[in-house]
Amino acid sequence: MAGPVRFRHSLEGWSEQRVHDALYQPLDANLGATLASPWFSPPPGYEARRLEMDNGDLALFSWSDDDAYWLGNTETPETLWRTDKCTFEEAPYPVTRWAQRELLAQLEEEDPWLAAYDHLAWFFLPVFFSKDGRESTRNFFREHAAGFPDASQEEGLEFYEELFSTGMLDDYRYTMASKLGTSAGVDLTRMQATMGEFNVARLLYDADHDFEPEVELGSGHALDFQVGDVLVEVTRPQPPRRRRVDSPVAAIKASGKAKTSDQIAVHGNAALFVDCTSFRDDHWRQIIGEKPAVGHEPVVVFRMRPDGRTEGYVRGNLPLDVARVLSQPAQ
């Protein structure tokens, strides 16, 4: 399975003839391809072309006499196999700016409802144009309201558009965006779990905490966040209808137990955040009414709503100031 789309950087000189012979011809022979002019002016000092495949794949290529950058969600021509890969952030800014303008314009053509949310579209661009995941990731926002169980497409998109507009995760774009997945199928449980990490980032941000996602530890584990000296692990239990448990409280306890037997078993002082955003109102009322233990402390149990409300509770000695941003549900 291919990962999020990245540039390939060639350190050789290129010409229009070589682009035709080494890139266009093999792609046309294998997939059917059109060699077209770019929609936007190429980076200064570079020429550029679009390669549009009959199956809907797209590649962008910009070159100079000294080097070249390839970006595509199609098969890579053999002449570029041994080139190094780099992210949008690692490539030169003019090259990245041009390529992202091309892709965002392509997204506007294909899915204008998604491209309308500028910050979200920009953040997830590496997966919206990945080889395997471009359909599944877009489908997640189109058909599943970004993981909210009882919200409209627009409500889910607006919630995360506002989250990404803060810039809180810009420095971790590839790390976080790629968690949404680049597989061809929609794995709703896994994708919702990924959005749980974005929800925890929002909770930490609202509480004025700086954080680093996906922290590699000496134990060989990678926990979801580090906030100063505090490690944070996130779990997002599924409602009872999707688990072999008979109540919402049992569901969150089972999810907590799974975490305490894995990462948190090694890092027992980590804080566990249980994201109940997948639960409907009636299930959530049972949880917030009982405020049950989940088998580990400190723990934050919370649920976010598309309008920005966050309800929840804290158990144990939590050295993070998140309780103040957790409201109680209206009676």
C-alpha atoms as a PDB file:
ATOM      1  CA  MET A   1       0.000   0.000   0.000  1.00  0.00           C
ATOM      2  CA  ALA A   2       1.408   3.387  -1.019  1.00  0.00           C
ATOM      3  CA  GLY A   3       1.678   6.130   1.576  1.00  0.00           C
ATOM      4  CA  PRO A   4       0.812   9.823   1.379  1.00  0.00           C
ATOM      5  CA  VAL A   5       1.931  11.505  -1.809  1.00  0.00           C
ATOM      6  CA  ARG A   6       5.495  12.839  -1.746  1.00  0.00           C
ATOM      7  CA  PHE A   7       7.886  14.395  -4.223  1.00  0.00           C
ATOM      8  CA  ARG A   8      10.660  12.429  -5.870  1.00  0.00           C
ATOM      9  CA  HIS A   9      13.743  14.575  -6.378  1.00  0.00           C
ATOM     10  CA  SER A  10      15.948  13.857  -9.374  1.00  0.00           C
ATOM     11  CA  LEU A  11      19.462  15.332  -9.317  1.00  0.00           C
ATOM     12  CA  GLU A  12      19.903  14.998 -13.069  1.00  0.00           C
ATOM     13  CA  GLY A  13      19.334  17.549 -15.803  1.00  0.00           C
ATOM     14  CA  TRP A  14      16.120  17.262 -17.812  1.00  0.00           C
ATOM     15  CA  SER A  15      14.747  18.532 -21.094  1.00  0.00           C
ATOM     16  CA  GLU A  16      11.331  18.510 -22.739  1.00  0.00           C
ATOM     17  CA  GLN A  17      12.442  15.656 -24.989  1.00  0.00           C
ATOM     18  CA  ARG A  18      13.545  13.563 -22.023  1.00  0.00           C
ATOM     19  CA  VAL A  19      10.231  14.224 -20.266  1.00  0.00           C
ATOM     20  CA  HIS A  20       8.449  12.924 -23.360  1.00  0.00           C
ATOM     21  CA  ASP A  21      10.649   9.864 -23.812  1.00  0.00           C
ATOM     22  CA  ALA A  22      11.323   8.817 -20.204  1.00  0.00           C
ATOM     23  CA  LEU A  23       8.055   9.764 -18.508  1.00  0.00           C
ATOM     24  CA  TYR A  24       5.201  10.221 -20.942  1.00  0.00           C
ATOM     25  CA  GLN A  25       5.886   7.319 -23.289  1.00  0.00           C
ATOM     26  CA  PRO A  26       6.039   4.530 -20.654  1.00  0.00           C
ATOM     27  CA  LEU A  27       2.990   5.909 -18.850  1.00  0.00           C
ATOM     28  CA  ASP A  28       1.063   6.197 -22.088  1.00  0.00           C
ATOM     29  CA  ALA A  29       1.994   2.649 -23.045  1.00  0.00           C
ATOM     30  CA  ASN A  30       0.913   1.208 -19.687  1.00  0.00           C
ATOM     31  CA  LEU A  31      -2.042   3.357 -18.675  1.00  0.00           C
ATOM     32  CA  GLY A  32      -2.869   5.772 -21.475  1.00  0.00           C
ATOM     33  CA  ALA A  33      -1.613   9.268 -20.728  1.00  0.00           C
ATOM     34  CA  THR A  34      -1.878  12.883 -21.829  1.00  0.00           C
ATOM     35  CA  LEU A  35       1.056  15.270 -21.549  1.00  0.00           C
ATOM     36  CA  ALA A  36      -0.387  18.705 -20.787  1.00  0.00           C
ATOM     37  CA  SER A  37       0.693  22.177 -19.784  1.00  0.00           C
ATOM     38  CA  PRO A  38       0.414  23.064 -16.086  1.00  0.00           C
ATOM     39  CA  TRP A  39      -2.594  25.032 -14.906  1.00  0.00           C
ATOM     40  CA  PHE A  40      -0.369  27.466 -12.996  1.00  0.00           C
ATOM     41  CA  SER A  41       2.993  29.057 -13.720  1.00  0.00           C
ATOM     42  CA  PRO A  42       5.809  26.674 -12.793  1.00  0.00           C
ATOM     43  CA  PRO A  43       8.370  27.505 -10.107  1.00  0.00           C
ATOM     44  CA  PRO A  44      10.935  30.158 -11.143  1.00  0.00           C
ATOM     45  CA  GLY A  45      13.762  28.545 -13.092  1.00  0.00           C
ATOM     46  CA  TYR A  46      11.718  25.437 -13.870  1.00  0.00           C
ATOM     47  CA  GLU A  47       9.531  24.153 -16.656  1.00  0.00           C
ATOM     48  CA  ALA A  48       6.599  21.935 -15.827  1.00  0.00           C
ATOM     49  CA  ARG A  49       4.046  19.516 -17.248  1.00  0.00           C
ATOM     50  CA  ARG A  50       1.001  17.593 -16.062  1.00  0.00           C
ATOM     51  CA  LEU A  51       0.679  13.912 -16.929  1.00  0.00           C
ATOM     52  CA  GLU A  52      -2.985  12.882 -16.832  1.00  0.00           C
ATOM     53  CA  MET A  53      -3.727   9.179 -17.005  1.00  0.00           C
ATOM     54  CA  ASP A  54      -6.842   7.642 -18.545  1.00  0.00           C
ATOM     55  CA  ASN A  55      -7.665   5.937 -15.216  1.00  0.00           C
ATOM     56  CA  GLY A  56      -7.773   9.259 -13.338  1.00  0.00           C
ATOM     57  CA  ASP A  57      -4.211   9.173 -11.982  1.00  0.00           C
ATOM     58  CA  LEU A  58      -2.236  12.408 -12.039  1.00  0.00           C
ATOM     59  CA  ALA A  59       1.457  13.290 -12.003  1.00  0.00           C
ATOM     60  CA  LEU A  60       3.166  16.675 -11.880  1.00  0.00           C
ATOM     61  CA  PHE A  61       6.714  17.187 -13.097  1.00  0.00           C
ATOM     62  CA  SER A  62       8.877  20.297 -12.885  1.00  0.00           C
ATOM     63  CA  TRP A  63      12.450  20.368 -14.145  1.00  0.00           C
ATOM     64  CA  SER A  64      15.486  22.518 -14.783  1.00  0.00           C
ATOM     65  CA  ASP A  65      18.895  21.863 -16.294  1.00  0.00           C
ATOM     66  CA  ASP A  66      20.092  20.700 -12.880  1.00  0.00           C
ATOM     67  CA  ASP A  67      17.293  18.799 -11.168  1.00  0.00           C
ATOM     68  CA  ALA A  68      13.609  17.895 -11.210  1.00  0.00           C
ATOM     69  CA  TYR A  69      10.643  17.150  -8.948  1.00  0.00           C
ATOM     70  CA  TRP A  70       8.037  14.467  -9.628  1.00  0.00           C
ATOM     71  CA  LEU A  71       4.762  14.201  -7.706  1.00  0.00           C
ATOM     72  CA  GLY A  72       2.201  11.594  -8.629  1.00  0.00           C
ATOM     73  CA  ASN A  73      -0.399   9.084  -7.494  1.00  0.00           C
ATOM     74  CA  THR A  74       0.329   6.822 -10.421  1.00  0.00           C
ATOM     75  CA  GLU A  75       3.080   4.323 -11.217  1.00  0.00           C
ATOM     76  CA  THR A  76       6.543   5.835 -11.061  1.00  0.00           C
ATOM     77  CA  PRO A  77       8.524   5.627 -14.299  1.00  0.00           C
ATOM     78  CA  GLU A  78      11.624   3.479 -13.968  1.00  0.00           C
ATOM     79  CA  THR A  79      14.023   6.376 -14.502  1.00  0.00           C
ATOM     80  CA  LEU A  80      12.846   7.859 -11.172  1.00  0.00           C
ATOM     81  CA  TRP A  81      12.873   4.695  -9.062  1.00  0.00           C
ATOM     82  CA  ARG A  82      16.124   5.457  -7.248  1.00  0.00           C
ATOM     83  CA  THR A  83      15.397   9.093  -6.492  1.00  0.00           C
ATOM     84  CA  ASP A  84      14.930  10.365  -2.935  1.00  0.00           C
ATOM     85  CA  LYS A  85      11.496  11.276  -1.600  1.00  0.00           C
ATOM     86  CA  CYS A  86      10.599  14.458   0.232  1.00  0.00           C
ATOM     87  CA  THR A  87       7.448  15.974   1.702  1.00  0.00           C
ATOM     88  CA  PHE A  88       5.803  19.260   0.791  1.00  0.00           C
ATOM     89  CA  GLU A  89       7.603  20.828   3.747  1.00  0.00           C
ATOM     90  CA  GLU A  90      11.015  19.441   2.735  1.00  0.00           C
ATOM     91  CA  ALA A  91      10.903  20.475  -0.934  1.00  0.00           C
ATOM     92  CA  PRO A  92      11.794  24.057  -1.933  1.00  0.00           C
ATOM     93  CA  TYR A  93       8.910  26.394  -1.217  1.00  0.00           C
ATOM     94  CA  PRO A  94       8.364  27.555  -4.834  1.00  0.00           C
ATOM     95  CA  VAL A  95       8.107  23.926  -5.992  1.00  0.00           C
ATOM     96  CA  THR A  96       5.731  23.036  -3.177  1.00  0.00           C
ATOM     97  CA  ARG A  97       3.599  26.128  -3.731  1.00  0.00           C
ATOM     98  CA  TRP A  98       3.194  25.342  -7.437  1.00  0.00           C
ATOM     99  CA  ALA A  99       2.372  21.675  -6.875  1.00  0.00           C
ATOM    100  CA  GLN A 100      -0.145  22.403  -4.143  1.00  0.00           C
ATOM    101  CA  ARG A 101      -1.901  24.982  -6.302  1.00  0.00           C
ATOM    102  CA  GLU A 102      -2.205  22.355  -9.037  1.00  0.00           C
ATOM    103  CA  LEU A 103      -3.591  19.745  -6.645  1.00  0.00           C
ATOM    104  CA  LEU A 104      -6.007  22.082  -4.904  1.00  0.00           C
ATOM    105  CA  ALA A 105      -7.348  23.189  -8.281  1.00  0.00           C
ATOM    106  CA  GLN A 106      -7.713  19.521  -9.253  1.00  0.00           C
ATOM    107  CA  LEU A 107      -9.617  18.896  -6.018  1.00  0.00           C
ATOM    108  CA  GLU A 108     -11.894  21.813  -6.855  1.00  0.00           C
ATOM    109  CA  GLU A 109     -12.653  20.147 -10.188  1.00  0.00           C
ATOM    110  CA  GLU A 110     -13.266  16.698  -8.690  1.00  0.00           C
ATOM    111  CA  ASP A 111     -14.833  17.465  -5.296  1.00  0.00           C
ATOM    112  CA  PRO A 112     -15.746  21.144  -4.959  1.00  0.00           C
ATOM    113  CA  TRP A 113     -17.699  20.429  -1.740  1.00  0.00           C
ATOM    114  CA  LEU A 114     -14.391  19.390  -0.131  1.00  0.00           C
ATOM    115  CA  ALA A 115     -12.112  21.987  -1.717  1.00  0.00           C
ATOM    116  CA  ALA A 116     -14.382  24.705  -0.296  1.00  0.00           C
ATOM    117  CA  TYR A 117     -12.842  24.038   3.136  1.00  0.00           C
ATOM    118  CA  ASP A 118      -9.448  25.585   2.498  1.00  0.00           C
ATOM    119  CA  HIS A 119      -7.548  24.601   5.644  1.00  0.00           C
ATOM    120  CA  LEU A 120      -8.865  21.050   5.795  1.00  0.00           C
ATOM    121  CA  ALA A 121      -8.210  20.489   2.073  1.00  0.00           C
ATOM    122  CA  TRP A 122      -4.657  21.810   2.427  1.00  0.00           C
ATOM    123  CA  PHE A 123      -3.909  19.721   5.529  1.00  0.00           C
ATOM    124  CA  PHE A 124      -5.083  16.424   4.060  1.00  0.00           C
ATOM    125  CA  LEU A 125      -3.769  17.048   0.558  1.00  0.00           C
ATOM    126  CA  PRO A 126      -1.083  14.313   0.916  1.00  0.00           C
ATOM    127  CA  VAL A 127      -3.803  11.675   1.449  1.00  0.00           C
ATOM    128  CA  PHE A 128      -6.532  13.179  -0.748  1.00  0.00           C
ATOM    129  CA  PHE A 129      -4.103  12.585  -3.641  1.00  0.00           C
ATOM    130  CA  SER A 130      -2.451   9.397  -2.408  1.00  0.00           C
ATOM    131  CA  LYS A 131      -2.366   6.467  -4.789  1.00  0.00           C
ATOM    132  CA  ASP A 132      -4.572   4.128  -2.776  1.00  0.00           C
ATOM    133  CA  GLY A 133      -6.412   6.379  -0.370  1.00  0.00           C
ATOM    134  CA  ARG A 134      -7.736   9.240  -2.423  1.00  0.00           C
ATOM    135  CA  GLU A 135     -11.237   7.790  -2.734  1.00  0.00           C
ATOM    136  CA  SER A 136     -11.553   6.392   0.790  1.00  0.00           C
ATOM    137  CA  THR A 137     -10.353   9.521   2.574  1.00  0.00           C
ATOM    138  CA  ARG A 138     -12.673  11.764   0.606  1.00  0.00           C
ATOM    139  CA  ASN A 139     -15.523   9.327   1.191  1.00  0.00           C
ATOM    140  CA  PHE A 140     -14.936   9.542   4.943  1.00  0.00           C
ATOM    141  CA  PHE A 141     -15.670  13.263   4.929  1.00  0.00           C
ATOM    142  CA  ARG A 142     -18.472  12.977   2.379  1.00  0.00           C
ATOM    143  CA  GLU A 143     -20.451  10.045   3.770  1.00  0.00           C
ATOM    144  CA  HIS A 144     -19.459   9.850   7.440  1.00  0.00           C
ATOM    145  CA  ALA A 145     -19.334  13.502   8.631  1.00  0.00           C
ATOM    146  CA  ALA A 146     -15.664  13.101   9.630  1.00  0.00           C
ATOM    147  CA  GLY A 147     -16.669  10.640  12.359  1.00  0.00           C
ATOM    148  CA  PHE A 148     -19.579  12.429  14.038  1.00  0.00           C
ATOM    149  CA  PRO A 149     -22.392   9.875  14.380  1.00  0.00           C
ATOM    150  CA  ASP A 150     -25.358  12.223  13.986  1.00  0.00           C
ATOM    151  CA  ALA A 151     -24.084  15.242  12.075  1.00  0.00           C
ATOM    152  CA  SER A 152     -24.349  16.457   8.510  1.00  0.00           C
ATOM    153  CA  GLN A 153     -21.461  16.501   6.088  1.00  0.00           C
ATOM    154  CA  GLU A 154     -21.282  20.282   6.412  1.00  0.00           C
ATOM    155  CA  GLU A 155     -21.225  20.212  10.221  1.00  0.00           C
ATOM    156  CA  GLY A 156     -18.336  17.726  10.287  1.00  0.00           C
ATOM    157  CA  LEU A 157     -16.349  19.651   7.706  1.00  0.00           C
ATOM    158  CA  GLU A 158     -16.915  22.993   9.406  1.00  0.00           C
ATOM    159  CA  PHE A 159     -15.746  21.616  12.761  1.00  0.00           C
ATOM    160  CA  TYR A 160     -12.427  20.388  11.391  1.00  0.00           C
ATOM    161  CA  GLU A 161     -11.996  23.385   9.113  1.00  0.00           C
ATOM    162  CA  GLU A 162     -12.040  25.557  12.209  1.00  0.00           C
ATOM    163  CA  LEU A 163      -9.604  23.197  13.978  1.00  0.00           C
ATOM    164  CA  PHE A 164      -7.081  23.283  11.137  1.00  0.00           C
ATOM    165  CA  SER A 165      -7.458  27.040  10.697  1.00  0.00           C
ATOM    166  CA  THR A 166      -5.683  27.465  14.053  1.00  0.00           C
ATOM    167  CA  GLY A 167      -2.457  26.056  12.562  1.00  0.00           C
ATOM    168  CA  MET A 168      -1.938  23.969  15.695  1.00  0.00           C
ATOM    169  CA  LEU A 169      -0.898  20.904  13.683  1.00  0.00           C
ATOM    170  CA  ASP A 170       0.793  22.483  10.669  1.00  0.00           C
ATOM    171  CA  ASP A 171       4.259  21.390  11.825  1.00  0.00           C
ATOM    172  CA  TYR A 172       3.071  17.768  12.023  1.00  0.00           C
ATOM    173  CA  ARG A 173       1.078  17.645   8.814  1.00  0.00           C
ATOM    174  CA  TYR A 174       2.434  14.450   7.247  1.00  0.00           C
ATOM    175  CA  THR A 175       2.567  12.613  10.570  1.00  0.00           C
ATOM    176  CA  MET A 176      -1.044  13.373  11.396  1.00  0.00           C
ATOM    177  CA  ALA A 177      -2.617  13.439   7.926  1.00  0.00           C
ATOM    178  CA  SER A 178      -1.204  10.037   7.026  1.00  0.00           C
ATOM    179  CA  LYS A 179      -2.946   8.506  10.060  1.00  0.00           C
ATOM    180  CA  LEU A 180      -6.241   8.923   8.245  1.00  0.00           C
ATOM    181  CA  GLY A 181      -4.950   6.177   6.007  1.00  0.00           C
ATOM    182  CA  THR A 182      -4.037   5.542   2.404  1.00  0.00           C
ATOM    183  CA  SER A 183      -5.916   2.281   1.916  1.00  0.00           C
ATOM    184  CA  ALA A 184      -8.513   1.871  -0.797  1.00  0.00           C
ATOM    185  CA  GLY A 185     -11.302   0.874   1.577  1.00  0.00           C
ATOM    186  CA  VAL A 186     -13.076   2.945   4.217  1.00  0.00           C
ATOM    187  CA  ASP A 187     -12.148   1.547   7.635  1.00  0.00           C
ATOM    188  CA  LEU A 188     -14.603   3.609   9.644  1.00  0.00           C
ATOM    189  CA  THR A 189     -13.430   2.444  13.073  1.00  0.00           C
ATOM    190  CA  ARG A 190      -9.784   3.245  12.349  1.00  0.00           C
ATOM    191  CA  MET A 191     -10.593   6.574  10.695  1.00  0.00           C
ATOM    192  CA  GLN A 192     -12.765   7.637  13.618  1.00  0.00           C
ATOM    193  CA  ALA A 193      -9.935   6.664  15.971  1.00  0.00           C
ATOM    194  CA  THR A 194      -7.628   8.919  13.980  1.00  0.00           C
ATOM    195  CA  MET A 195     -10.034  11.833  14.343  1.00  0.00           C
ATOM    196  CA  GLY A 196      -9.960  11.124  18.082  1.00  0.00           C
ATOM    197  CA  GLU A 197      -6.325  12.188  18.053  1.00  0.00           C
ATOM    198  CA  PHE A 198      -7.275  15.426  16.315  1.00  0.00           C
ATOM    199  CA  ASN A 199      -9.948  15.939  18.953  1.00  0.00           C
ATOM    200  CA  VAL A 200      -7.430  15.504  21.765  1.00  0.00           C
ATOM    201  CA  ALA A 201      -5.116  17.970  20.013  1.00  0.00           C
ATOM    202  CA  ARG A 202      -8.002  20.441  20.026  1.00  0.00           C
ATOM    203  CA  LEU A 203      -8.662  19.789  23.709  1.00  0.00           C
ATOM    204  CA  LEU A 204      -5.005  20.395  24.586  1.00  0.00           C
ATOM    205  CA  TYR A 205      -4.915  23.506  22.406  1.00  0.00           C
ATOM    206  CA  ASP A 206      -8.042  24.929  24.047  1.00  0.00           C
ATOM    207  CA  ALA A 207      -6.404  24.333  27.429  1.00  0.00           C
ATOM    208  CA  ASP A 208      -3.328  26.335  26.250  1.00  0.00           C
ATOM    209  CA  HIS A 209      -0.942  23.389  26.303  1.00  0.00           C
ATOM    210  CA  ASP A 210       1.897  22.963  23.803  1.00  0.00           C
ATOM    211  CA  PHE A 211       2.249  19.398  22.596  1.00  0.00           C
ATOM    212  CA  GLU A 212       4.147  17.103  20.256  1.00  0.00           C
ATOM    213  CA  PRO A 213       2.323  14.250  18.501  1.00  0.00           C
ATOM    214  CA  GLU A 214       3.532  10.694  17.928  1.00  0.00           C
ATOM    215  CA  VAL A 215       6.423  10.649  20.386  1.00  0.00           C
ATOM    216  CA  GLU A 216       8.912   7.812  19.912  1.00  0.00           C
ATOM    217  CA  LEU A 217      10.023   6.431  23.261  1.00  0.00           C
ATOM    218  CA  GLY A 218      12.989   4.324  24.342  1.00  0.00           C
ATOM    219  CA  SER A 219      10.633   1.466  25.115  1.00  0.00           C
ATOM    220  CA  GLY A 220       9.914   1.065  21.416  1.00  0.00           C
ATOM    221  CA  HIS A 221       6.401   2.424  21.784  1.00  0.00           C
ATOM    222  CA  ALA A 222       5.084   5.621  20.236  1.00  0.00           C
ATOM    223  CA  LEU A 223       2.514   7.412  22.358  1.00  0.00           C
ATOM    224  CA  ASP A 224       0.082   9.825  20.792  1.00  0.00           C
ATOM    225  CA  PHE A 225       1.257  13.068  22.454  1.00  0.00           C
ATOM    226  CA  GLN A 226       3.789  14.508  24.806  1.00  0.00           C
ATOM    227  CA  VAL A 227       2.785  17.616  26.762  1.00  0.00           C
ATOM    228  CA  GLY A 228       5.832  18.831  28.645  1.00  0.00           C
ATOM    229  CA  ASP A 229       6.748  15.864  30.832  1.00  0.00           C
ATOM    230  CA  VAL A 230       3.325  14.256  30.461  1.00  0.00           C
ATOM    231  CA  LEU A 231       2.685  11.420  28.000  1.00  0.00           C
ATOM    232  CA  VAL A 232      -0.804  11.117  26.537  1.00  0.00           C
ATOM    233  CA  GLU A 233      -2.420   8.082  24.916  1.00  0.00           C
ATOM    234  CA  VAL A 234      -5.758   8.321  23.090  1.00  0.00           C
ATOM    235  CA  THR A 235      -8.471   5.720  22.642  1.00  0.00           C
ATOM    236  CA  ARG A 236     -11.825   6.083  20.887  1.00  0.00           C
ATOM    237  CA  PRO A 237     -14.257   3.347  21.874  1.00  0.00           C
ATOM    238  CA  GLN A 238     -17.054   2.359  19.542  1.00  0.00           C
ATOM    239  CA  PRO A 239     -20.700   2.419  20.708  1.00  0.00           C
ATOM    240  CA  PRO A 240     -22.286  -0.846  21.926  1.00  0.00           C
ATOM    241  CA  ARG A 241     -23.853  -1.645  18.548  1.00  0.00           C
ATOM    242  CA  ARG A 242     -20.339  -2.096  17.152  1.00  0.00           C
ATOM    243  CA  ARG A 243     -18.874  -4.079  20.044  1.00  0.00           C
ATOM    244  CA  ARG A 244     -19.628  -7.272  21.928  1.00  0.00           C
ATOM    245  CA  VAL A 245     -20.607  -5.294  24.997  1.00  0.00           C
ATOM    246  CA  ASP A 246     -24.051  -4.375  26.180  1.00  0.00           C
ATOM    247  CA  SER A 247     -23.715  -0.819  27.451  1.00  0.00           C
ATOM    248  CA  PRO A 248     -21.815   2.424  26.783  1.00  0.00           C
ATOM    249  CA  VAL A 249     -20.092   2.173  30.155  1.00  0.00           C
ATOM    250  CA  ALA A 250     -18.909  -1.351  29.355  1.00  0.00           C
ATOM    251  CA  ALA A 251     -17.637  -0.086  26.006  1.00  0.00           C
ATOM    252  CA  ILE A 252     -15.384   2.583  27.484  1.00  0.00           C
ATOM    253  CA  LYS A 253     -14.157   0.214  30.186  1.00  0.00           C
ATOM    254  CA  ALA A 254     -13.231  -2.365  27.538  1.00  0.00           C
ATOM    255  CA  SER A 255     -11.386   0.291  25.554  1.00  0.00           C
ATOM    256  CA  GLY A 256      -9.505   1.453  28.647  1.00  0.00           C
ATOM    257  CA  LYS A 257      -8.577  -2.129  29.516  1.00  0.00           C
ATOM    258  CA  ALA A 258      -7.150  -2.667  26.034  1.00  0.00           C
ATOM    259  CA  LYS A 259      -4.903   0.363  26.399  1.00  0.00           C
ATOM    260  CA  THR A 260      -3.718  -0.522  29.900  1.00  0.00           C
ATOM    261  CA  SER A 261      -2.570  -3.915  28.648  1.00  0.00           C
ATOM    262  CA  ASP A 262      -0.557  -2.332  25.822  1.00  0.00           C
ATOM    263  CA  GLN A 263       1.217   1.058  25.700  1.00  0.00           C
ATOM    264  CA  ILE A 264       0.117   2.247  29.125  1.00  0.00           C
ATOM    265  CA  ALA A 265       1.240  -1.028  30.704  1.00  0.00           C
ATOM    266  CA  VAL A 266       4.781   0.099  29.906  1.00  0.00           C
ATOM    267  CA  HIS A 267       4.221   3.793  30.611  1.00  0.00           C
ATOM    268  CA  GLY A 268       1.898   3.629  33.604  1.00  0.00           C
ATOM    269  CA  ASN A 269       2.198   7.330  34.408  1.00  0.00           C
ATOM    270  CA  ALA A 270       0.748   8.352  31.032  1.00  0.00           C
ATOM    271  CA  ALA A 271      -2.609  10.113  30.891  1.00  0.00           C
ATOM    272  CA  LEU A 272      -5.360   8.297  29.013  1.00  0.00           C
ATOM    273  CA  PHE A 273      -7.842  10.325  26.956  1.00  0.00           C
ATOM    274  CA  VAL A 274     -11.035   8.458  26.066  1.00  0.00           C
ATOM    275  CA  ASP A 275     -12.806  10.136  23.142  1.00  0.00           C
ATOM    276  CA  CYS A 276     -16.520   9.276  23.169  1.00  0.00           C
ATOM    277  CA  THR A 277     -17.362  11.406  20.135  1.00  0.00           C
ATOM    278  CA  SER A 278     -18.723   8.323  18.332  1.00  0.00           C
ATOM    279  CA  PHE A 279     -21.464   7.922  20.960  1.00  0.00           C
ATOM    280  CA  ARG A 280     -24.989   9.229  20.452  1.00  0.00           C
ATOM    281  CA  ASP A 281     -26.629  11.515  23.015  1.00  0.00           C
ATOM    282  CA  ASP A 282     -28.433   8.726  24.886  1.00  0.00           C
ATOM    283  CA  HIS A 283     -25.281   6.643  25.254  1.00  0.00           C
ATOM    284  CA  TRP A 284     -23.251   9.645  26.326  1.00  0.00           C
ATOM    285  CA  ARG A 285     -25.812  10.584  29.006  1.00  0.00           C
ATOM    286  CA  GLN A 286     -25.268   7.188  30.617  1.00  0.00           C
ATOM    287  CA  ILE A 287     -21.502   7.701  30.670  1.00  0.00           C
ATOM    288  CA  ILE A 288     -21.506  11.273  31.945  1.00  0.00           C
ATOM    289  CA  GLY A 289     -24.176  10.351  34.489  1.00  0.00           C
ATOM    290  CA  GLU A 290     -22.070   7.578  36.036  1.00  0.00           C
ATOM    291  CA  LYS A 291     -18.584   9.006  35.362  1.00  0.00           C
ATOM    292  CA  PRO A 292     -17.155   5.493  35.607  1.00  0.00           C
ATOM    293  CA  ALA A 293     -13.543   4.500  36.119  1.00  0.00           C
ATOM    294  CA  VAL A 294     -11.973   2.860  33.080  1.00  0.00           C
ATOM    295  CA  GLY A 295      -9.126   0.925  34.666  1.00  0.00           C
ATOM    296  CA  HIS A 296      -6.476   3.625  34.504  1.00  0.00           C
ATOM    297  CA  GLU A 297      -5.870   7.026  36.060  1.00  0.00           C
ATOM    298  CA  PRO A 298      -5.354   9.804  35.288  1.00  0.00           C
ATOM    299  CA  VAL A 299      -8.018   9.646  32.626  1.00  0.00           C
ATOM    300  CA  VAL A 300     -10.036  12.209  30.690  1.00  0.00           C
ATOM    301  CA  VAL A 301     -13.346  10.961  29.288  1.00  0.00           C
ATOM    302  CA  PHE A 302     -14.915  13.426  26.866  1.00  0.00           C
ATOM    303  CA  ARG A 303     -17.167  13.913  23.868  1.00  0.00           C
ATOM    304  CA  MET A 304     -17.041  16.689  21.260  1.00  0.00           C
ATOM    305  CA  ARG A 305     -19.960  18.008  19.263  1.00  0.00           C
ATOM    306  CA  PRO A 306     -19.857  19.658  15.823  1.00  0.00           C
ATOM    307  CA  ASP A 307     -20.854  23.015  17.318  1.00  0.00           C
ATOM    308  CA  GLY A 308     -17.656  23.053  19.382  1.00  0.00           C
ATOM    309  CA  ARG A 309     -19.055  21.945  22.748  1.00  0.00           C
ATOM    310  CA  THR A 310     -16.863  19.551  24.710  1.00  0.00           C
ATOM    311  CA  GLU A 311     -18.294  17.671  27.679  1.00  0.00           C
ATOM    312  CA  GLY A 312     -16.480  15.284  29.962  1.00  0.00           C
ATOM    313  CA  TYR A 313     -14.876  14.466  33.282  1.00  0.00           C
ATOM    314  CA  VAL A 314     -11.462  13.748  34.797  1.00  0.00           C
ATOM    315  CA  ARG A 315     -10.523  10.991  37.212  1.00  0.00           C
ATOM    316  CA  GLY A 316      -7.206  10.879  39.034  1.00  0.00           C
ATOM    317  CA  ASN A 317      -4.422  13.395  39.448  1.00  0.00           C
ATOM    318  CA  LEU A 318      -4.061  14.914  35.980  1.00  0.00           C
ATOM    319  CA  PRO A 319      -1.144  17.384  35.684  1.00  0.00           C
ATOM    320  CA  LEU A 320      -2.816  19.091  32.715  1.00  0.00           C
ATOM    321  CA  ASP A 321      -5.307  21.944  32.837  1.00  0.00           C
ATOM    322  CA  VAL A 322      -8.029  20.440  30.679  1.00  0.00           C
ATOM    323  CA  ALA A 323     -10.853  20.146  33.213  1.00  0.00           C
ATOM    324  CA  ARG A 324     -11.668  23.833  32.785  1.00  0.00           C
ATOM    325  CA  VAL A 325     -12.557  23.356  29.104  1.00  0.00           C
ATOM    326  CA  LEU A 326     -14.883  20.429  29.834  1.00  0.00           C
ATOM    327  CA  SER A 327     -18.479  21.484  30.330  1.00  0.00           C
ATOM    328  CA  GLN A 328     -21.279  19.450  31.868  1.00  0.00           C
ATOM    329  CA  PRO A 329     -24.317  18.531  29.750  1.00  0.00           C
ATOM    330  CA  ALA A 330     -27.460  20.565  30.169  1.00  0.00           C
ATOM    331  CA  GLN A 331     -30.086  18.904  32.365  1.00  0.00           C
END
